[in-house]
Structure formats: structure tokens, C-alpha cells
Amino acid sequence: MKTKTIKQTVTFPTTPEKLYALLLDSKTLTKLHGSKTAMTKRPKGKFSVFGGYCHGYNIELAEHNKIEQAWVFKEDGWPEDHYSFCTFLLEPAAKGVKMTFTQKGVPEHKVEELKAGWYDFYWNPILQYLQP
């Protein structure tokens, strides 16, 4: 199976500490997604997002700076045992925190759909939530 990498950069009007906490907060993500999210804040801990549509485990957690996770998506043509690897890098920026997101190992036929999906279901809801 051919795979590709997705890379996106988004600036959020908050601090690295608050964004890091939000990305691992089950209650807030459940509210933002409108479906059950179960996150863990420990390395090798398992998680489930969107009521089980996505699941995986934490690889590395560097508090306030980096979250690295392995993700599986329940998508047509996405093998059940195929993990993509997502890295969320957080850096202070002039207007908040710059997050550089990289997802490696995305099945080639799902790249465009997932590019849009990260914005529709993650970045934009988080941006709306953070607005005063």
C-alpha cells in the first residue's frame, strides 16, 4: 500500500500549555466532536476518538511541546492493523501557539479526505472553542 504524509500548520489563540492540555482532554474533545472521546495522558496509553472511528496509542508526550501518537482510522481501504503516526509540535508564536501537525503513513487514497477532515473536525472546532 502506498502512503503519503500530511503536514499542516495552524496558529491557535492560546498558550502551548493550554493547547497541549486540550488535545489530551477527553471531556473537552467529546464536547467539540459531539461524540465520545477517551484520551489518556500517559505514554503508551490507548485512546479512542469519534466514538471509536479512530483509535490508537500515545508514543511520546513532551509536556506542552509535543504529542506523538499512532492512529488507525475506520475508513474504506484502511487496513485495521495499519497505523499512521501523528506528531503535534507546539511552539509559542506572536499570536498564541503555532502547531505543526504531521501525519505519516496515510494511505494514498485517503490523503485529501483526511487533510480536510483535520480542519473540519479538529482545528476549526478548537479555534471556535478558543475564541473569546
N, C-alpha and C. Protein backbone atom coordinates (compact mmCIF):
# COMPACT_ATOMS: atom_id res chain seq x y z
N MET A 1 0.84 -1.18 0.00
CA MET A 1 0.00 0.00 0.00
C MET A 1 0.89 1.24 0.00
N LYS A 2 0.59 2.15 -0.92
CA LYS A 2 1.34 3.41 -0.97
C LYS A 2 0.77 4.36 0.07
N THR A 3 1.68 5.07 0.74
CA THR A 3 1.26 6.05 1.74
C THR A 3 1.91 7.40 1.47
N LYS A 4 1.31 8.41 2.08
CA LYS A 4 1.84 9.77 1.97
C LYS A 4 1.82 10.43 3.34
N THR A 5 2.35 11.63 3.39
CA THR A 5 2.42 12.40 4.63
C THR A 5 1.59 13.68 4.49
N ILE A 6 0.86 13.99 5.54
CA ILE A 6 0.11 15.24 5.64
C ILE A 6 0.87 16.15 6.59
N LYS A 7 1.03 17.41 6.21
CA LYS A 7 1.65 18.39 7.10
C LYS A 7 0.79 19.65 7.08
N GLN A 8 0.41 20.11 8.27
CA GLN A 8 -0.42 21.29 8.40
C GLN A 8 0.11 22.15 9.54
N THR A 9 -0.03 23.47 9.39
CA THR A 9 0.39 24.39 10.43
C THR A 9 -0.79 25.31 10.75
N VAL A 10 -1.12 25.40 12.03
CA VAL A 10 -2.24 26.22 12.48
C VAL A 10 -1.78 27.01 13.70
N THR A 11 -2.19 28.29 13.77
CA THR A 11 -1.90 29.10 14.95
C THR A 11 -3.18 29.23 15.77
N PHE A 12 -3.09 28.88 17.05
CA PHE A 12 -4.23 28.93 17.95
C PHE A 12 -4.04 30.07 18.95
N PRO A 13 -5.11 30.80 19.28
CA PRO A 13 -5.01 31.92 20.22
C PRO A 13 -5.01 31.44 21.67
N THR A 14 -3.94 30.78 22.06
CA THR A 14 -3.81 30.25 23.41
C THR A 14 -2.34 30.02 23.71
N THR A 15 -2.04 29.36 24.77
CA THR A 15 -0.65 29.05 25.13
C THR A 15 -0.34 27.59 24.80
N PRO A 16 0.93 27.24 24.66
CA PRO A 16 1.27 25.83 24.44
C PRO A 16 0.73 24.92 25.55
N GLU A 17 0.78 25.41 26.79
CA GLU A 17 0.29 24.62 27.92
C GLU A 17 -1.19 24.29 27.78
N LYS A 18 -1.98 25.30 27.42
CA LYS A 18 -3.43 25.09 27.29
C LYS A 18 -3.78 24.24 26.09
N LEU A 19 -3.10 24.43 24.96
CA LEU A 19 -3.39 23.61 23.78
C LEU A 19 -2.99 22.16 24.02
N TYR A 20 -1.85 21.95 24.62
CA TYR A 20 -1.39 20.60 24.95
C TYR A 20 -2.44 19.90 25.81
N ALA A 21 -2.90 20.58 26.86
CA ALA A 21 -3.91 20.01 27.75
C ALA A 21 -5.21 19.72 27.00
N LEU A 22 -5.63 20.63 26.14
CA LEU A 22 -6.86 20.46 25.38
C LEU A 22 -6.78 19.23 24.46
N LEU A 23 -5.66 19.04 23.78
CA LEU A 23 -5.50 17.93 22.84
C LEU A 23 -5.55 16.56 23.53
N LEU A 24 -5.40 16.55 24.85
CA LEU A 24 -5.44 15.30 25.60
C LEU A 24 -6.61 15.25 26.59
N ASP A 25 -7.57 16.16 26.44
CA ASP A 25 -8.69 16.27 27.38
C ASP A 25 -9.93 15.59 26.81
N SER A 26 -10.27 14.45 27.36
CA SER A 26 -11.41 13.66 26.87
C SER A 26 -12.72 14.45 26.90
N LYS A 27 -13.01 15.15 28.00
CA LYS A 27 -14.28 15.87 28.14
C LYS A 27 -14.41 16.98 27.11
N THR A 28 -13.36 17.79 26.96
CA THR A 28 -13.43 18.91 26.01
C THR A 28 -13.52 18.40 24.59
N LEU A 29 -12.73 17.39 24.23
CA LEU A 29 -12.78 16.85 22.87
C LEU A 29 -14.13 16.19 22.58
N THR A 30 -14.72 15.52 23.56
CA THR A 30 -16.05 14.94 23.38
C THR A 30 -17.05 16.05 23.06
N LYS A 31 -16.96 17.15 23.79
CA LYS A 31 -17.84 18.31 23.56
C LYS A 31 -17.63 18.89 22.16
N LEU A 32 -16.36 19.07 21.77
CA LEU A 32 -16.05 19.66 20.46
C LEU A 32 -16.45 18.74 19.31
N HIS A 33 -16.26 17.44 19.48
CA HIS A 33 -16.55 16.49 18.40
C HIS A 33 -18.02 16.09 18.36
N GLY A 34 -18.69 16.20 19.47
CA GLY A 34 -20.07 15.75 19.53
C GLY A 34 -20.18 14.24 19.59
N SER A 35 -19.09 13.57 19.88
CA SER A 35 -19.09 12.12 20.04
C SER A 35 -18.01 11.73 21.05
N LYS A 36 -18.14 10.54 21.58
CA LYS A 36 -17.27 10.08 22.67
C LYS A 36 -15.80 10.06 22.29
N THR A 37 -15.01 10.69 23.15
CA THR A 37 -13.55 10.67 23.03
C THR A 37 -12.98 10.23 24.37
N ALA A 38 -12.05 9.29 24.32
CA ALA A 38 -11.37 8.82 25.53
C ALA A 38 -9.88 8.95 25.30
N MET A 39 -9.28 9.96 25.90
CA MET A 39 -7.84 10.21 25.77
C MET A 39 -7.14 9.78 27.05
N THR A 40 -5.85 9.55 26.94
CA THR A 40 -5.03 9.27 28.10
C THR A 40 -3.83 10.21 28.07
N LYS A 41 -3.30 10.49 29.22
CA LYS A 41 -2.18 11.43 29.32
C LYS A 41 -0.88 10.73 29.70
N ARG A 42 -0.77 9.46 29.34
CA ARG A 42 0.45 8.72 29.67
C ARG A 42 1.02 8.06 28.42
N PRO A 43 2.33 7.97 28.33
CA PRO A 43 2.95 7.28 27.19
C PRO A 43 2.47 5.83 27.12
N LYS A 44 2.28 5.35 25.91
CA LYS A 44 1.79 4.01 25.61
C LYS A 44 0.32 3.81 25.98
N GLY A 45 -0.32 4.85 26.52
CA GLY A 45 -1.74 4.77 26.84
C GLY A 45 -2.57 4.80 25.57
N LYS A 46 -3.68 4.07 25.59
CA LYS A 46 -4.56 3.98 24.42
C LYS A 46 -5.59 5.10 24.44
N PHE A 47 -6.10 5.42 23.23
CA PHE A 47 -7.16 6.42 23.12
C PHE A 47 -8.15 6.00 22.04
N SER A 48 -9.32 6.64 22.09
CA SER A 48 -10.37 6.41 21.11
C SER A 48 -11.04 7.76 20.85
N VAL A 49 -11.27 8.07 19.59
CA VAL A 49 -11.84 9.36 19.19
C VAL A 49 -13.04 9.12 18.29
N PHE A 50 -14.00 10.04 18.33
CA PHE A 50 -15.20 9.97 17.50
C PHE A 50 -15.94 8.64 17.69
N GLY A 51 -16.13 8.27 18.94
CA GLY A 51 -16.89 7.06 19.23
C GLY A 51 -16.26 5.79 18.70
N GLY A 52 -14.94 5.78 18.54
CA GLY A 52 -14.23 4.60 18.07
C GLY A 52 -13.87 4.64 16.59
N TYR A 53 -14.30 5.68 15.88
CA TYR A 53 -13.94 5.81 14.46
C TYR A 53 -12.42 5.84 14.29
N CYS A 54 -11.73 6.45 15.27
CA CYS A 54 -10.27 6.46 15.30
C CYS A 54 -9.84 5.91 16.66
N HIS A 55 -8.74 5.19 16.65
CA HIS A 55 -8.17 4.75 17.92
C HIS A 55 -6.66 4.61 17.75
N GLY A 56 -5.98 4.49 18.87
CA GLY A 56 -4.54 4.34 18.79
C GLY A 56 -3.91 4.41 20.16
N TYR A 57 -2.65 4.84 20.18
CA TYR A 57 -1.91 4.92 21.43
C TYR A 57 -0.88 6.04 21.38
N ASN A 58 -0.53 6.53 22.55
CA ASN A 58 0.50 7.56 22.66
C ASN A 58 1.87 6.93 22.52
N ILE A 59 2.74 7.60 21.78
CA ILE A 59 4.13 7.16 21.63
C ILE A 59 5.02 7.99 22.54
N GLU A 60 4.89 9.31 22.39
CA GLU A 60 5.72 10.23 23.19
C GLU A 60 4.89 11.44 23.58
N LEU A 61 5.01 11.84 24.84
CA LEU A 61 4.35 13.03 25.34
C LEU A 61 5.40 13.90 26.02
N ALA A 62 5.71 15.03 25.40
CA ALA A 62 6.65 16.00 25.98
C ALA A 62 5.80 17.20 26.39
N GLU A 63 5.50 17.28 27.66
CA GLU A 63 4.54 18.23 28.18
C GLU A 63 4.71 19.63 27.61
N HIS A 64 3.61 20.15 27.07
CA HIS A 64 3.49 21.50 26.50
C HIS A 64 4.24 21.68 25.17
N ASN A 65 4.92 20.65 24.67
CA ASN A 65 5.72 20.81 23.45
C ASN A 65 5.37 19.84 22.33
N LYS A 66 5.13 18.57 22.67
CA LYS A 66 5.00 17.56 21.61
C LYS A 66 4.09 16.43 22.06
N ILE A 67 3.23 16.02 21.13
CA ILE A 67 2.42 14.82 21.29
C ILE A 67 2.67 13.97 20.06
N GLU A 68 3.09 12.74 20.26
CA GLU A 68 3.27 11.81 19.15
C GLU A 68 2.39 10.60 19.42
N GLN A 69 1.54 10.28 18.43
CA GLN A 69 0.58 9.21 18.59
C GLN A 69 0.51 8.34 17.34
N ALA A 70 0.07 7.09 17.54
CA ALA A 70 -0.23 6.18 16.43
C ALA A 70 -1.75 6.12 16.29
N TRP A 71 -2.25 6.35 15.07
CA TRP A 71 -3.69 6.41 14.81
C TRP A 71 -4.10 5.38 13.76
N VAL A 72 -5.26 4.75 13.98
CA VAL A 72 -5.92 3.90 12.99
C VAL A 72 -7.29 4.53 12.74
N PHE A 73 -7.70 4.61 11.47
CA PHE A 73 -8.99 5.16 11.10
C PHE A 73 -9.86 4.05 10.51
N LYS A 74 -11.14 4.04 10.86
CA LYS A 74 -12.07 3.08 10.27
C LYS A 74 -12.55 3.68 8.95
N GLU A 75 -11.76 3.48 7.92
CA GLU A 75 -12.02 4.03 6.59
C GLU A 75 -11.95 2.91 5.57
N ASP A 76 -12.71 3.03 4.50
CA ASP A 76 -12.62 2.06 3.40
C ASP A 76 -11.20 2.03 2.89
N GLY A 77 -10.64 0.85 2.78
CA GLY A 77 -9.30 0.70 2.25
C GLY A 77 -8.20 0.99 3.26
N TRP A 78 -8.55 1.20 4.52
CA TRP A 78 -7.55 1.43 5.57
C TRP A 78 -7.46 0.14 6.38
N PRO A 79 -6.38 -0.61 6.24
CA PRO A 79 -6.26 -1.88 6.96
C PRO A 79 -6.36 -1.68 8.49
N GLU A 80 -7.08 -2.59 9.14
CA GLU A 80 -7.31 -2.49 10.59
C GLU A 80 -6.03 -2.42 11.41
N ASP A 81 -4.96 -3.01 10.90
CA ASP A 81 -3.71 -3.05 11.66
C ASP A 81 -2.69 -2.02 11.17
N HIS A 82 -3.13 -1.08 10.32
CA HIS A 82 -2.20 -0.07 9.79
C HIS A 82 -2.31 1.22 10.59
N TYR A 83 -1.21 1.59 11.23
CA TYR A 83 -1.16 2.83 12.00
C TYR A 83 -0.51 3.93 11.17
N SER A 84 -1.10 5.13 11.27
CA SER A 84 -0.42 6.32 10.79
C SER A 84 0.15 6.98 12.04
N PHE A 85 1.20 7.77 11.87
CA PHE A 85 1.87 8.36 13.01
C PHE A 85 1.72 9.87 12.98
N CYS A 86 1.05 10.41 14.02
CA CYS A 86 0.74 11.83 14.10
C CYS A 86 1.62 12.52 15.13
N THR A 87 2.19 13.64 14.74
CA THR A 87 3.00 14.45 15.64
C THR A 87 2.42 15.85 15.68
N PHE A 88 2.18 16.33 16.89
CA PHE A 88 1.69 17.67 17.14
C PHE A 88 2.84 18.41 17.84
N LEU A 89 3.49 19.35 17.15
CA LEU A 89 4.57 20.15 17.74
C LEU A 89 4.01 21.52 18.08
N LEU A 90 4.23 21.96 19.31
CA LEU A 90 3.68 23.24 19.78
C LEU A 90 4.81 24.21 20.08
N GLU A 91 4.69 25.42 19.51
CA GLU A 91 5.70 26.46 19.72
C GLU A 91 5.01 27.79 20.01
N PRO A 92 5.52 28.54 20.98
CA PRO A 92 4.96 29.87 21.21
C PRO A 92 5.08 30.70 19.92
N ALA A 93 4.05 31.50 19.66
CA ALA A 93 4.04 32.37 18.48
C ALA A 93 3.53 33.75 18.89
N ALA A 94 3.70 34.71 18.01
CA ALA A 94 3.29 36.09 18.32
C ALA A 94 1.82 36.19 18.71
N LYS A 95 0.97 35.39 18.06
CA LYS A 95 -0.47 35.47 18.34
C LYS A 95 -1.00 34.20 18.99
N GLY A 96 -0.17 33.55 19.81
CA GLY A 96 -0.64 32.36 20.50
C GLY A 96 0.37 31.22 20.43
N VAL A 97 -0.08 30.12 19.87
CA VAL A 97 0.79 28.95 19.74
C VAL A 97 0.69 28.42 18.31
N LYS A 98 1.85 28.19 17.71
CA LYS A 98 1.91 27.61 16.38
C LYS A 98 2.02 26.10 16.55
N MET A 99 1.06 25.39 15.96
CA MET A 99 1.08 23.94 15.99
C MET A 99 1.44 23.43 14.60
N THR A 100 2.49 22.63 14.53
CA THR A 100 2.85 21.97 13.29
C THR A 100 2.44 20.51 13.44
N PHE A 101 1.53 20.09 12.58
CA PHE A 101 0.98 18.74 12.63
C PHE A 101 1.50 17.95 11.45
N THR A 102 1.99 16.75 11.71
CA THR A 102 2.47 15.86 10.66
C THR A 102 1.83 14.49 10.88
N GLN A 103 1.27 13.94 9.82
CA GLN A 103 0.70 12.59 9.87
C GLN A 103 1.37 11.76 8.78
N LYS A 104 2.20 10.80 9.20
CA LYS A 104 2.91 9.93 8.27
C LYS A 104 2.19 8.60 8.12
N GLY A 105 2.30 8.01 6.93
CA GLY A 105 1.73 6.69 6.71
C GLY A 105 0.25 6.69 6.37
N VAL A 106 -0.24 7.78 5.77
CA VAL A 106 -1.64 7.86 5.38
C VAL A 106 -1.81 7.14 4.04
N PRO A 107 -2.74 6.17 3.96
CA PRO A 107 -2.97 5.53 2.66
C PRO A 107 -3.23 6.60 1.60
N GLU A 108 -2.55 6.46 0.50
CA GLU A 108 -2.55 7.47 -0.57
C GLU A 108 -3.96 7.92 -0.96
N HIS A 109 -4.90 6.99 -1.03
CA HIS A 109 -6.25 7.33 -1.48
C HIS A 109 -7.07 8.07 -0.41
N LYS A 110 -6.54 8.26 0.79
CA LYS A 110 -7.25 8.95 1.86
C LYS A 110 -6.66 10.31 2.21
N VAL A 111 -5.58 10.70 1.56
CA VAL A 111 -4.87 11.92 1.93
C VAL A 111 -5.75 13.16 1.85
N GLU A 112 -6.40 13.40 0.73
CA GLU A 112 -7.19 14.62 0.56
C GLU A 112 -8.35 14.67 1.55
N GLU A 113 -9.00 13.55 1.76
CA GLU A 113 -10.13 13.49 2.69
C GLU A 113 -9.66 13.79 4.13
N LEU A 114 -8.53 13.23 4.52
CA LEU A 114 -8.03 13.47 5.87
C LEU A 114 -7.49 14.88 6.05
N LYS A 115 -6.89 15.45 5.00
CA LYS A 115 -6.44 16.84 5.08
C LYS A 115 -7.61 17.74 5.46
N ALA A 116 -8.72 17.57 4.77
CA ALA A 116 -9.91 18.37 5.06
C ALA A 116 -10.49 18.00 6.42
N GLY A 117 -10.48 16.73 6.74
CA GLY A 117 -11.05 16.26 8.00
C GLY A 117 -10.38 16.83 9.23
N TRP A 118 -9.06 16.98 9.20
CA TRP A 118 -8.36 17.56 10.36
C TRP A 118 -8.86 18.98 10.60
N TYR A 119 -9.06 19.74 9.53
CA TYR A 119 -9.58 21.10 9.70
C TYR A 119 -11.04 21.07 10.15
N ASP A 120 -11.86 20.28 9.47
CA ASP A 120 -13.30 20.26 9.77
C ASP A 120 -13.62 19.75 11.17
N PHE A 121 -12.89 18.74 11.62
CA PHE A 121 -13.26 18.07 12.86
C PHE A 121 -12.31 18.31 14.03
N TYR A 122 -11.17 18.91 13.77
CA TYR A 122 -10.21 19.19 14.85
C TYR A 122 -9.86 20.68 14.92
N TRP A 123 -9.13 21.17 13.93
CA TRP A 123 -8.58 22.54 14.04
C TRP A 123 -9.67 23.61 14.14
N ASN A 124 -10.66 23.58 13.24
CA ASN A 124 -11.69 24.62 13.27
C ASN A 124 -12.54 24.57 14.55
N PRO A 125 -12.99 23.39 15.01
CA PRO A 125 -13.71 23.37 16.29
C PRO A 125 -12.86 23.87 17.47
N ILE A 126 -11.57 23.55 17.47
CA ILE A 126 -10.69 24.05 18.54
C ILE A 126 -10.57 25.57 18.45
N LEU A 127 -10.40 26.09 17.23
CA LEU A 127 -10.31 27.55 17.05
C LEU A 127 -11.59 28.23 17.55
N GLN A 128 -12.75 27.67 17.21
CA GLN A 128 -14.02 28.26 17.68
C GLN A 128 -14.13 28.20 19.20
N TYR A 129 -13.72 27.11 19.78
CA TYR A 129 -13.77 26.92 21.23
C TYR A 129 -12.88 27.95 21.95
N LEU A 130 -11.76 28.28 21.36
CA LEU A 130 -10.80 29.19 21.98
C LEU A 130 -11.14 30.67 21.78
N GLN A 131 -12.12 30.97 20.92
CA GLN A 131 -12.49 32.37 20.69
C GLN A 131 -13.14 32.95 21.94
N PRO A 132 -12.80 34.19 22.28
CA PRO A 132 -13.37 34.83 23.48
C PRO A 132 -14.86 35.11 23.32
